[in-house]
């Protein structure tokens, strides 16, 4: 969902404010933490994140998003994203078990046998605070594809953080467009 281990990038210049951002590479794991405050209603943000057939609207690096199965608050979501790190470009496939956990929490877990990730977990938390919506994104993943040693993790870290920011800004833009309609 919501993920693509996030092969995304860029940033929107207007309203949203990044409150905290951090990325680390430890023992083969990429760890991402991003918190942002946006001017959008909590319900609309939540709906954008759970519109599994249209996640491409949140980030143009997501080329495909498809809800394959849904039962109650458990969903099986297929995602394909494209991205480049330096001269290395890749289309990444992910099959995720997404769980709406309640209280604004959404968890996505990659199914490694059907994904290009050896391991992947994402936790979103969406909450209203002082008339704004606070979006927290935490991810931990290990790619199952080649990342060039030494320089690869360094380049990928920057790309992934930018990707997370791009997705959150995409949510804000999408919600704004819907409010104007």
C-alpha atoms as a PDB file:
ATOM      1  CA  UNK A   1       0.000   0.000   0.000  1.00  0.00           C
ATOM      2  CA  UNK A   2       1.246   2.661   0.894  1.00  0.00           C
ATOM      3  CA  UNK A   3       4.594   1.352   0.545  1.00  0.00           C
ATOM      4  CA  UNK A   4       6.603   0.313  -2.178  1.00  0.00           C
ATOM      5  CA  UNK A   5       9.253   0.147   0.370  1.00  0.00           C
ATOM      6  CA  UNK A   6       8.948   3.395  -1.112  1.00  0.00           C
ATOM      7  CA  UNK A   7      10.725   3.831  -4.375  1.00  0.00           C
ATOM      8  CA  UNK A   8       9.388   7.300  -4.651  1.00  0.00           C
ATOM      9  CA  UNK A   9      10.733  10.845  -4.467  1.00  0.00           C
ATOM     10  CA  UNK A  10      10.337  14.627  -4.731  1.00  0.00           C
ATOM     11  CA  UNK A  11       8.437  17.027  -2.534  1.00  0.00           C
ATOM     12  CA  UNK A  12       5.634  19.464  -2.779  1.00  0.00           C
ATOM     13  CA  UNK A  13       6.369  22.984  -1.724  1.00  0.00           C
ATOM     14  CA  UNK A  14       3.120  24.130  -0.162  1.00  0.00           C
ATOM     15  CA  UNK A  15       1.253  23.545   3.072  1.00  0.00           C
ATOM     16  CA  UNK A  16       2.436  20.333   4.716  1.00  0.00           C
ATOM     17  CA  UNK A  17       5.103  20.502   7.355  1.00  0.00           C
ATOM     18  CA  UNK A  18       7.590  17.737   8.059  1.00  0.00           C
ATOM     19  CA  UNK A  19       7.828  17.428  11.840  1.00  0.00           C
ATOM     20  CA  UNK A  20      10.371  14.613  11.945  1.00  0.00           C
ATOM     21  CA  UNK A  21      12.255  12.531   9.400  1.00  0.00           C
ATOM     22  CA  UNK A  22      14.946   9.926   9.790  1.00  0.00           C
ATOM     23  CA  UNK A  23      16.357   7.036   7.821  1.00  0.00           C
ATOM     24  CA  UNK A  24      18.939   4.489   8.894  1.00  0.00           C
ATOM     25  CA  UNK A  25      20.591   1.431   7.414  1.00  0.00           C
ATOM     26  CA  UNK A  26      21.320  -1.253  10.003  1.00  0.00           C
ATOM     27  CA  UNK A  27      22.206  -4.903   9.430  1.00  0.00           C
ATOM     28  CA  UNK A  28      20.690  -4.884   5.935  1.00  0.00           C
ATOM     29  CA  UNK A  29      17.471  -3.187   7.095  1.00  0.00           C
ATOM     30  CA  UNK A  30      16.325   0.204   5.867  1.00  0.00           C
ATOM     31  CA  UNK A  31      14.500   1.954   8.707  1.00  0.00           C
ATOM     32  CA  UNK A  32      12.388   5.002   7.854  1.00  0.00           C
ATOM     33  CA  UNK A  33      10.542   7.322  10.203  1.00  0.00           C
ATOM     34  CA  UNK A  34       8.543  10.296   8.946  1.00  0.00           C
ATOM     35  CA  UNK A  35       5.968  12.479  10.696  1.00  0.00           C
ATOM     36  CA  UNK A  36       4.110  15.259   8.945  1.00  0.00           C
ATOM     37  CA  UNK A  37       1.359  17.735   9.746  1.00  0.00           C
ATOM     38  CA  UNK A  38      -1.071  18.526   6.938  1.00  0.00           C
ATOM     39  CA  UNK A  39      -4.180  20.619   6.463  1.00  0.00           C
ATOM     40  CA  UNK A  40      -6.640  17.873   5.608  1.00  0.00           C
ATOM     41  CA  UNK A  41      -9.370  16.010   7.432  1.00  0.00           C
ATOM     42  CA  UNK A  42      -8.465  12.737   9.113  1.00  0.00           C
ATOM     43  CA  UNK A  43     -11.261  10.811   7.377  1.00  0.00           C
ATOM     44  CA  UNK A  44     -10.168  11.963   3.930  1.00  0.00           C
ATOM     45  CA  UNK A  45      -6.530  11.094   4.646  1.00  0.00           C
ATOM     46  CA  UNK A  46      -7.498   7.652   5.921  1.00  0.00           C
ATOM     47  CA  UNK A  47      -9.705   7.068   2.876  1.00  0.00           C
ATOM     48  CA  UNK A  48      -6.830   8.019   0.551  1.00  0.00           C
ATOM     49  CA  UNK A  49      -4.519   5.497   2.218  1.00  0.00           C
ATOM     50  CA  UNK A  50      -7.089   2.702   2.028  1.00  0.00           C
ATOM     51  CA  UNK A  51      -8.216   3.298  -1.562  1.00  0.00           C
ATOM     52  CA  UNK A  52      -6.069   0.360  -2.609  1.00  0.00           C
ATOM     53  CA  UNK A  53      -7.053   0.396  -6.285  1.00  0.00           C
ATOM     54  CA  UNK A  54      -5.904   4.014  -6.649  1.00  0.00           C
ATOM     55  CA  UNK A  55      -2.642   4.339  -4.686  1.00  0.00           C
ATOM     56  CA  UNK A  56      -1.081   5.489  -7.954  1.00  0.00           C
ATOM     57  CA  UNK A  57      -2.714   8.854  -7.218  1.00  0.00           C
ATOM     58  CA  UNK A  58      -0.524   9.287  -4.132  1.00  0.00           C
ATOM     59  CA  UNK A  59       2.808   8.883  -5.852  1.00  0.00           C
ATOM     60  CA  UNK A  60       3.614   8.650  -9.565  1.00  0.00           C
ATOM     61  CA  UNK A  61       6.338   6.079  -8.894  1.00  0.00           C
ATOM     62  CA  UNK A  62       3.569   3.641  -7.961  1.00  0.00           C
ATOM     63  CA  UNK A  63       2.655   2.150 -11.332  1.00  0.00           C
ATOM     64  CA  UNK A  64       0.077  -0.384 -10.160  1.00  0.00           C
ATOM     65  CA  UNK A  65      -2.036  -0.884  -7.066  1.00  0.00           C
ATOM     66  CA  UNK A  66      -4.728  -3.499  -6.896  1.00  0.00           C
ATOM     67  CA  UNK A  67      -6.926  -4.831  -4.123  1.00  0.00           C
ATOM     68  CA  UNK A  68      -6.877  -8.611  -4.597  1.00  0.00           C
ATOM     69  CA  UNK A  69      -8.834  -9.691  -1.558  1.00  0.00           C
ATOM     70  CA  UNK A  70     -10.638  -8.062   1.336  1.00  0.00           C
ATOM     71  CA  UNK A  71     -12.302  -9.411   4.447  1.00  0.00           C
ATOM     72  CA  UNK A  72     -13.333  -7.086   7.234  1.00  0.00           C
ATOM     73  CA  UNK A  73     -10.258  -4.967   7.972  1.00  0.00           C
ATOM     74  CA  UNK A  74      -7.739  -7.368   6.353  1.00  0.00           C
ATOM     75  CA  UNK A  75      -6.716  -6.776   2.742  1.00  0.00           C
ATOM     76  CA  UNK A  76      -4.373  -8.336   0.227  1.00  0.00           C
ATOM     77  CA  UNK A  77      -2.869  -5.597  -1.964  1.00  0.00           C
ATOM     78  CA  UNK A  78      -0.585  -5.873  -4.989  1.00  0.00           C
ATOM     79  CA  UNK A  79       1.749  -2.950  -5.683  1.00  0.00           C
ATOM     80  CA  UNK A  80       4.334  -2.290  -8.362  1.00  0.00           C
ATOM     81  CA  UNK A  81       6.588   0.749  -8.241  1.00  0.00           C
ATOM     82  CA  UNK A  82       9.487   2.045 -10.296  1.00  0.00           C
ATOM     83  CA  UNK A  83      12.476   3.920  -9.093  1.00  0.00           C
ATOM     84  CA  UNK A  84      16.099   4.629  -9.781  1.00  0.00           C
ATOM     85  CA  UNK A  85      19.049   5.006  -7.484  1.00  0.00           C
ATOM     86  CA  UNK A  86      21.832   6.592  -9.445  1.00  0.00           C
ATOM     87  CA  UNK A  87      22.014   4.493 -12.656  1.00  0.00           C
ATOM     88  CA  UNK A  88      20.284   1.459 -11.155  1.00  0.00           C
ATOM     89  CA  UNK A  89      16.581   1.372 -12.029  1.00  0.00           C
ATOM     90  CA  UNK A  90      14.140  -1.242 -10.895  1.00  0.00           C
ATOM     91  CA  UNK A  91      10.461  -2.126 -10.940  1.00  0.00           C
ATOM     92  CA  UNK A  92       9.633  -3.516  -7.497  1.00  0.00           C
ATOM     93  CA  UNK A  93       6.731  -5.902  -6.936  1.00  0.00           C
ATOM     94  CA  UNK A  94       5.096  -6.237  -3.554  1.00  0.00           C
ATOM     95  CA  UNK A  95       2.238  -8.279  -2.233  1.00  0.00           C
ATOM     96  CA  UNK A  96       1.146  -6.901   1.112  1.00  0.00           C
ATOM     97  CA  UNK A  97      -1.204  -8.026   3.827  1.00  0.00           C
ATOM     98  CA  UNK A  98      -2.731  -4.741   5.004  1.00  0.00           C
ATOM     99  CA  UNK A  99      -4.562  -4.545   8.316  1.00  0.00           C
ATOM    100  CA  UNK A 100      -6.696  -1.636   9.464  1.00  0.00           C
ATOM    101  CA  UNK A 101      -5.961  -1.883  13.164  1.00  0.00           C
ATOM    102  CA  UNK A 102      -8.290   0.837  14.459  1.00  0.00           C
ATOM    103  CA  UNK A 103      -7.529   4.119  16.197  1.00  0.00           C
ATOM    104  CA  UNK A 104      -5.884   5.464  13.010  1.00  0.00           C
ATOM    105  CA  UNK A 105      -3.340   2.639  12.621  1.00  0.00           C
ATOM    106  CA  UNK A 106      -2.760   0.819   9.338  1.00  0.00           C
ATOM    107  CA  UNK A 107      -0.138  -1.914   9.059  1.00  0.00           C
ATOM    108  CA  UNK A 108       1.244  -3.400   5.832  1.00  0.00           C
ATOM    109  CA  UNK A 109       3.397  -6.531   5.832  1.00  0.00           C
ATOM    110  CA  UNK A 110       5.158  -7.776   2.703  1.00  0.00           C
ATOM    111  CA  UNK A 111       4.681 -11.421   1.785  1.00  0.00           C
ATOM    112  CA  UNK A 112       8.299 -12.229   0.826  1.00  0.00           C
ATOM    113  CA  UNK A 113       7.566 -15.247  -1.371  1.00  0.00           C
ATOM    114  CA  UNK A 114       5.475 -13.002  -3.662  1.00  0.00           C
ATOM    115  CA  UNK A 115       7.443  -9.758  -3.347  1.00  0.00           C
ATOM    116  CA  UNK A 116      10.790  -8.244  -4.213  1.00  0.00           C
ATOM    117  CA  UNK A 117      11.356  -7.723  -0.490  1.00  0.00           C
ATOM    118  CA  UNK A 118      12.904 -10.264   1.859  1.00  0.00           C
ATOM    119  CA  UNK A 119      11.224  -8.435   4.690  1.00  0.00           C
ATOM    120  CA  UNK A 120       8.941  -5.431   4.882  1.00  0.00           C
ATOM    121  CA  UNK A 121       6.703  -3.839   7.488  1.00  0.00           C
ATOM    122  CA  UNK A 122       5.018  -0.462   7.418  1.00  0.00           C
ATOM    123  CA  UNK A 123       2.982   1.220  10.114  1.00  0.00           C
ATOM    124  CA  UNK A 124       0.917   4.323   9.414  1.00  0.00           C
ATOM    125  CA  UNK A 125      -0.733   6.307  12.192  1.00  0.00           C
ATOM    126  CA  UNK A 126      -3.180   9.081  11.364  1.00  0.00           C
ATOM    127  CA  UNK A 127      -4.510  11.336  14.117  1.00  0.00           C
ATOM    128  CA  UNK A 128      -6.156  14.771  14.398  1.00  0.00           C
ATOM    129  CA  UNK A 129      -4.395  17.400  16.463  1.00  0.00           C
ATOM    130  CA  UNK A 130      -5.216  21.110  16.793  1.00  0.00           C
ATOM    131  CA  UNK A 131      -7.195  21.226  13.522  1.00  0.00           C
ATOM    132  CA  UNK A 132      -4.499  19.410  11.519  1.00  0.00           C
ATOM    133  CA  UNK A 133      -3.948  15.782  10.620  1.00  0.00           C
ATOM    134  CA  UNK A 134      -0.698  14.237  11.811  1.00  0.00           C
ATOM    135  CA  UNK A 135       0.569  11.384   9.646  1.00  0.00           C
ATOM    136  CA  UNK A 136       3.278   9.111  11.030  1.00  0.00           C
ATOM    137  CA  UNK A 137       4.979   6.604   8.761  1.00  0.00           C
ATOM    138  CA  UNK A 138       7.381   3.936  10.037  1.00  0.00           C
ATOM    139  CA  UNK A 139       8.938   1.352   7.738  1.00  0.00           C
ATOM    140  CA  UNK A 140      11.455  -1.456   8.083  1.00  0.00           C
ATOM    141  CA  UNK A 141      12.431  -3.420   5.010  1.00  0.00           C
ATOM    142  CA  UNK A 142      15.113  -5.527   3.382  1.00  0.00           C
ATOM    143  CA  UNK A 143      15.194  -5.642  -0.427  1.00  0.00           C
ATOM    144  CA  UNK A 144      15.492  -9.051  -2.085  1.00  0.00           C
ATOM    145  CA  UNK A 145      17.281  -7.483  -5.050  1.00  0.00           C
ATOM    146  CA  UNK A 146      20.815  -6.273  -5.598  1.00  0.00           C
ATOM    147  CA  UNK A 147      21.752  -2.961  -3.993  1.00  0.00           C
ATOM    148  CA  UNK A 148      25.329  -1.971  -4.873  1.00  0.00           C
ATOM    149  CA  UNK A 149      27.504  -2.293  -1.766  1.00  0.00           C
ATOM    150  CA  UNK A 150      28.989   0.769  -0.098  1.00  0.00           C
ATOM    151  CA  UNK A 151      27.376   3.491  -2.195  1.00  0.00           C
ATOM    152  CA  UNK A 152      24.002   1.731  -2.679  1.00  0.00           C
ATOM    153  CA  UNK A 153      22.709   2.079   0.881  1.00  0.00           C
ATOM    154  CA  UNK A 154      23.851   5.703   1.015  1.00  0.00           C
ATOM    155  CA  UNK A 155      22.040   6.613  -2.225  1.00  0.00           C
ATOM    156  CA  UNK A 156      18.981   4.507  -1.464  1.00  0.00           C
ATOM    157  CA  UNK A 157      18.529   6.079   1.978  1.00  0.00           C
ATOM    158  CA  UNK A 158      18.110   9.552   0.504  1.00  0.00           C
ATOM    159  CA  UNK A 159      15.794   8.298  -2.214  1.00  0.00           C
ATOM    160  CA  UNK A 160      13.586   6.451   0.252  1.00  0.00           C
ATOM    161  CA  UNK A 161      13.201   9.407   2.587  1.00  0.00           C
ATOM    162  CA  UNK A 162      12.279  11.619  -0.360  1.00  0.00           C
ATOM    163  CA  UNK A 163       9.810   8.933  -1.465  1.00  0.00           C
ATOM    164  CA  UNK A 164       8.075   8.915   1.896  1.00  0.00           C
ATOM    165  CA  UNK A 165       7.769  12.688   1.810  1.00  0.00           C
ATOM    166  CA  UNK A 166       6.435  12.563  -1.742  1.00  0.00           C
ATOM    167  CA  UNK A 167       3.742  10.077  -0.779  1.00  0.00           C
ATOM    168  CA  UNK A 168       2.603  12.109   2.223  1.00  0.00           C
ATOM    169  CA  UNK A 169       2.508  15.269   0.090  1.00  0.00           C
ATOM    170  CA  UNK A 170       0.568  13.294  -2.532  1.00  0.00           C
ATOM    171  CA  UNK A 171      -2.044  12.484   0.106  1.00  0.00           C
ATOM    172  CA  UNK A 172      -2.352  16.177   0.927  1.00  0.00           C
ATOM    173  CA  UNK A 173      -2.717  17.148  -2.732  1.00  0.00           C
ATOM    174  CA  UNK A 174      -5.301  14.440  -3.388  1.00  0.00           C
ATOM    175  CA  UNK A 175      -7.388  15.481  -0.395  1.00  0.00           C
ATOM    176  CA  UNK A 176      -7.245  19.141  -1.500  1.00  0.00           C
ATOM    177  CA  UNK A 177      -8.438  18.259  -4.991  1.00  0.00           C
ATOM    178  CA  UNK A 178     -11.327  16.219  -3.560  1.00  0.00           C
ATOM    179  CA  UNK A 179     -12.315  19.127  -1.289  1.00  0.00           C
ATOM    180  CA  UNK A 180     -12.507  21.473  -4.295  1.00  0.00           C
ATOM    181  CA  UNK A 181     -14.830  19.165  -6.240  1.00  0.00           C
END
